[in-house]
């Protein structure tokens, strides 16, 4: 299963399932923060929002989401999730594909100098 947490400048993620066919994370984004605008070569992702308000940019199109909403991020789709609320944004991320390593993140734009 390989559960662990990692801190990031925008919040944290907790890896709750890591098996050959998928990876599942609980992601927390602090108010006003966002991970990088990014894409992946080897995986798709599905998000289920469980707390807060999100602005999701998917291939340049922005849309707001709230509790219970889902987003499907296909392989190679550029994406970014921003917390637009005043509480922590929490969502479940389910990754499907052939590889789930953090080195399959291609950052297009990043507010923390990681591009």
C-alpha atoms as a PDB file:
ATOM      1  CA  UNK A   1       0.000   0.000   0.000  1.00  0.00           C
ATOM      2  CA  UNK A   2       2.889   2.372   0.747  1.00  0.00           C
ATOM      3  CA  UNK A   3       0.967   5.162   2.561  1.00  0.00           C
ATOM      4  CA  UNK A   4       2.808   8.427   3.144  1.00  0.00           C
ATOM      5  CA  UNK A   5       2.361  12.214   3.231  1.00  0.00           C
ATOM      6  CA  UNK A   6       4.392  14.842   1.430  1.00  0.00           C
ATOM      7  CA  UNK A   7       4.364  18.578   2.095  1.00  0.00           C
ATOM      8  CA  UNK A   8       4.345  20.994  -0.838  1.00  0.00           C
ATOM      9  CA  UNK A   9       4.453  24.817  -0.929  1.00  0.00           C
ATOM     10  CA  UNK A  10       0.727  24.832  -1.829  1.00  0.00           C
ATOM     11  CA  UNK A  11      -0.379  22.237   0.770  1.00  0.00           C
ATOM     12  CA  UNK A  12       0.149  18.472   0.954  1.00  0.00           C
ATOM     13  CA  UNK A  13      -0.844  15.112  -0.438  1.00  0.00           C
ATOM     14  CA  UNK A  14      -1.340  11.808   1.314  1.00  0.00           C
ATOM     15  CA  UNK A  15      -0.833   8.664  -0.698  1.00  0.00           C
ATOM     16  CA  UNK A  16      -3.507   6.223   0.505  1.00  0.00           C
ATOM     17  CA  UNK A  17      -3.239   3.497  -2.147  1.00  0.00           C
ATOM     18  CA  UNK A  18      -0.311   2.670  -4.422  1.00  0.00           C
ATOM     19  CA  UNK A  19      -0.699  -0.538  -6.410  1.00  0.00           C
ATOM     20  CA  UNK A  20       0.277  -1.712  -9.874  1.00  0.00           C
ATOM     21  CA  UNK A  21      -2.935  -0.545 -11.565  1.00  0.00           C
ATOM     22  CA  UNK A  22      -3.626   2.786  -9.789  1.00  0.00           C
ATOM     23  CA  UNK A  23      -2.605   5.331  -7.170  1.00  0.00           C
ATOM     24  CA  UNK A  24      -5.019   7.200  -4.881  1.00  0.00           C
ATOM     25  CA  UNK A  25      -4.189  10.404  -3.013  1.00  0.00           C
ATOM     26  CA  UNK A  26      -5.959  12.819  -0.699  1.00  0.00           C
ATOM     27  CA  UNK A  27      -4.800  16.284  -1.779  1.00  0.00           C
ATOM     28  CA  UNK A  28      -5.048  19.396   0.402  1.00  0.00           C
ATOM     29  CA  UNK A  29      -4.554  22.837  -1.178  1.00  0.00           C
ATOM     30  CA  UNK A  30      -4.335  25.896   1.069  1.00  0.00           C
ATOM     31  CA  UNK A  31      -6.629  28.892   0.363  1.00  0.00           C
ATOM     32  CA  UNK A  32      -5.359  30.951  -2.570  1.00  0.00           C
ATOM     33  CA  UNK A  33      -2.782  28.331  -3.561  1.00  0.00           C
ATOM     34  CA  UNK A  34      -2.364  25.963  -6.519  1.00  0.00           C
ATOM     35  CA  UNK A  35       0.033  23.299  -7.749  1.00  0.00           C
ATOM     36  CA  UNK A  36       1.657  23.911 -11.119  1.00  0.00           C
ATOM     37  CA  UNK A  37      -0.092  23.944 -14.494  1.00  0.00           C
ATOM     38  CA  UNK A  38       1.086  20.523 -15.655  1.00  0.00           C
ATOM     39  CA  UNK A  39       0.483  17.388 -17.670  1.00  0.00           C
ATOM     40  CA  UNK A  40       1.449  13.707 -17.612  1.00  0.00           C
ATOM     41  CA  UNK A  41       2.636  11.319 -20.323  1.00  0.00           C
ATOM     42  CA  UNK A  42       1.754   8.060 -18.590  1.00  0.00           C
ATOM     43  CA  UNK A  43      -1.391   8.589 -16.510  1.00  0.00           C
ATOM     44  CA  UNK A  44      -4.871  10.050 -16.409  1.00  0.00           C
ATOM     45  CA  UNK A  45      -6.481  11.396 -13.248  1.00  0.00           C
ATOM     46  CA  UNK A  46      -9.974  11.685 -11.765  1.00  0.00           C
ATOM     47  CA  UNK A  47     -10.692  14.222  -9.008  1.00  0.00           C
ATOM     48  CA  UNK A  48     -13.575  14.092  -6.523  1.00  0.00           C
ATOM     49  CA  UNK A  49     -13.902  17.278  -4.461  1.00  0.00           C
ATOM     50  CA  UNK A  50     -14.786  16.686  -0.803  1.00  0.00           C
ATOM     51  CA  UNK A  51     -14.272  20.129   0.805  1.00  0.00           C
ATOM     52  CA  UNK A  52     -13.977  23.707  -0.424  1.00  0.00           C
ATOM     53  CA  UNK A  53     -14.171  25.454  -3.781  1.00  0.00           C
ATOM     54  CA  UNK A  54     -11.886  24.852  -6.750  1.00  0.00           C
ATOM     55  CA  UNK A  55     -11.093  26.592  -9.996  1.00  0.00           C
ATOM     56  CA  UNK A  56      -9.858  23.951 -12.440  1.00  0.00           C
ATOM     57  CA  UNK A  57      -8.054  24.886 -15.631  1.00  0.00           C
ATOM     58  CA  UNK A  58      -8.161  21.983 -18.102  1.00  0.00           C
ATOM     59  CA  UNK A  59      -6.395  22.631 -21.409  1.00  0.00           C
ATOM     60  CA  UNK A  60      -6.947  26.371 -21.017  1.00  0.00           C
ATOM     61  CA  UNK A  61     -10.648  26.186 -20.058  1.00  0.00           C
ATOM     62  CA  UNK A  62     -11.484  27.293 -16.495  1.00  0.00           C
ATOM     63  CA  UNK A  63     -14.486  26.069 -14.500  1.00  0.00           C
ATOM     64  CA  UNK A  64     -15.474  26.196 -10.825  1.00  0.00           C
ATOM     65  CA  UNK A  65     -16.185  23.038  -8.806  1.00  0.00           C
ATOM     66  CA  UNK A  66     -17.470  22.262  -5.309  1.00  0.00           C
ATOM     67  CA  UNK A  67     -18.163  19.382  -2.953  1.00  0.00           C
ATOM     68  CA  UNK A  68     -19.259  16.237  -4.791  1.00  0.00           C
ATOM     69  CA  UNK A  69     -18.120  17.406  -8.216  1.00  0.00           C
ATOM     70  CA  UNK A  70     -15.749  15.312 -10.322  1.00  0.00           C
ATOM     71  CA  UNK A  71     -13.182  16.159 -12.983  1.00  0.00           C
ATOM     72  CA  UNK A  72     -11.593  13.778 -15.488  1.00  0.00           C
ATOM     73  CA  UNK A  73      -8.078  14.709 -16.617  1.00  0.00           C
ATOM     74  CA  UNK A  74      -6.998  12.651 -19.671  1.00  0.00           C
ATOM     75  CA  UNK A  75      -3.393  11.707 -20.404  1.00  0.00           C
ATOM     76  CA  UNK A  76      -1.489  14.744 -21.830  1.00  0.00           C
ATOM     77  CA  UNK A  77      -4.217  17.233 -20.783  1.00  0.00           C
ATOM     78  CA  UNK A  78      -2.742  20.342 -19.177  1.00  0.00           C
ATOM     79  CA  UNK A  79      -4.368  20.957 -15.807  1.00  0.00           C
ATOM     80  CA  UNK A  80      -4.246  23.060 -12.656  1.00  0.00           C
ATOM     81  CA  UNK A  81      -6.416  23.130  -9.520  1.00  0.00           C
ATOM     82  CA  UNK A  82      -6.623  26.408  -7.563  1.00  0.00           C
ATOM     83  CA  UNK A  83      -8.257  26.798  -4.156  1.00  0.00           C
ATOM     84  CA  UNK A  84     -10.636  29.764  -4.548  1.00  0.00           C
ATOM     85  CA  UNK A  85     -12.279  29.322  -1.144  1.00  0.00           C
ATOM     86  CA  UNK A  86     -11.348  30.443   2.354  1.00  0.00           C
ATOM     87  CA  UNK A  87     -10.865  26.914   3.779  1.00  0.00           C
ATOM     88  CA  UNK A  88      -8.540  24.105   2.723  1.00  0.00           C
ATOM     89  CA  UNK A  89      -9.563  22.465  -0.551  1.00  0.00           C
ATOM     90  CA  UNK A  90      -9.658  18.671  -0.210  1.00  0.00           C
ATOM     91  CA  UNK A  91     -10.069  16.212  -3.027  1.00  0.00           C
ATOM     92  CA  UNK A  92      -9.424  12.587  -3.853  1.00  0.00           C
ATOM     93  CA  UNK A  93      -7.178  11.990  -6.868  1.00  0.00           C
ATOM     94  CA  UNK A  94      -7.307   8.600  -8.584  1.00  0.00           C
ATOM     95  CA  UNK A  95      -4.521   7.970 -11.090  1.00  0.00           C
ATOM     96  CA  UNK A  96      -4.850   5.357 -13.847  1.00  0.00           C
ATOM     97  CA  UNK A  97      -2.199   4.409 -16.385  1.00  0.00           C
ATOM     98  CA  UNK A  98       1.108   2.683 -16.787  1.00  0.00           C
ATOM     99  CA  UNK A  99       3.260   4.724 -14.369  1.00  0.00           C
ATOM    100  CA  UNK A 100       2.518   6.898 -11.321  1.00  0.00           C
ATOM    101  CA  UNK A 101       5.873   8.406 -10.317  1.00  0.00           C
ATOM    102  CA  UNK A 102       6.232  12.075  -9.408  1.00  0.00           C
ATOM    103  CA  UNK A 103       8.787  12.352 -12.248  1.00  0.00           C
ATOM    104  CA  UNK A 104       5.893  12.058 -14.756  1.00  0.00           C
ATOM    105  CA  UNK A 105       4.947  15.668 -13.984  1.00  0.00           C
ATOM    106  CA  UNK A 106       5.728  18.114 -16.790  1.00  0.00           C
ATOM    107  CA  UNK A 107       5.318  21.620 -15.382  1.00  0.00           C
ATOM    108  CA  UNK A 108       4.176  24.228 -17.902  1.00  0.00           C
ATOM    109  CA  UNK A 109       3.863  27.073 -15.394  1.00  0.00           C
ATOM    110  CA  UNK A 110       4.556  27.132 -11.648  1.00  0.00           C
ATOM    111  CA  UNK A 111       4.206  29.803  -8.973  1.00  0.00           C
ATOM    112  CA  UNK A 112       6.967  28.255  -6.854  1.00  0.00           C
ATOM    113  CA  UNK A 113       9.890  28.292  -9.316  1.00  0.00           C
ATOM    114  CA  UNK A 114       9.821  24.567 -10.101  1.00  0.00           C
ATOM    115  CA  UNK A 115       9.598  24.807 -13.908  1.00  0.00           C
END
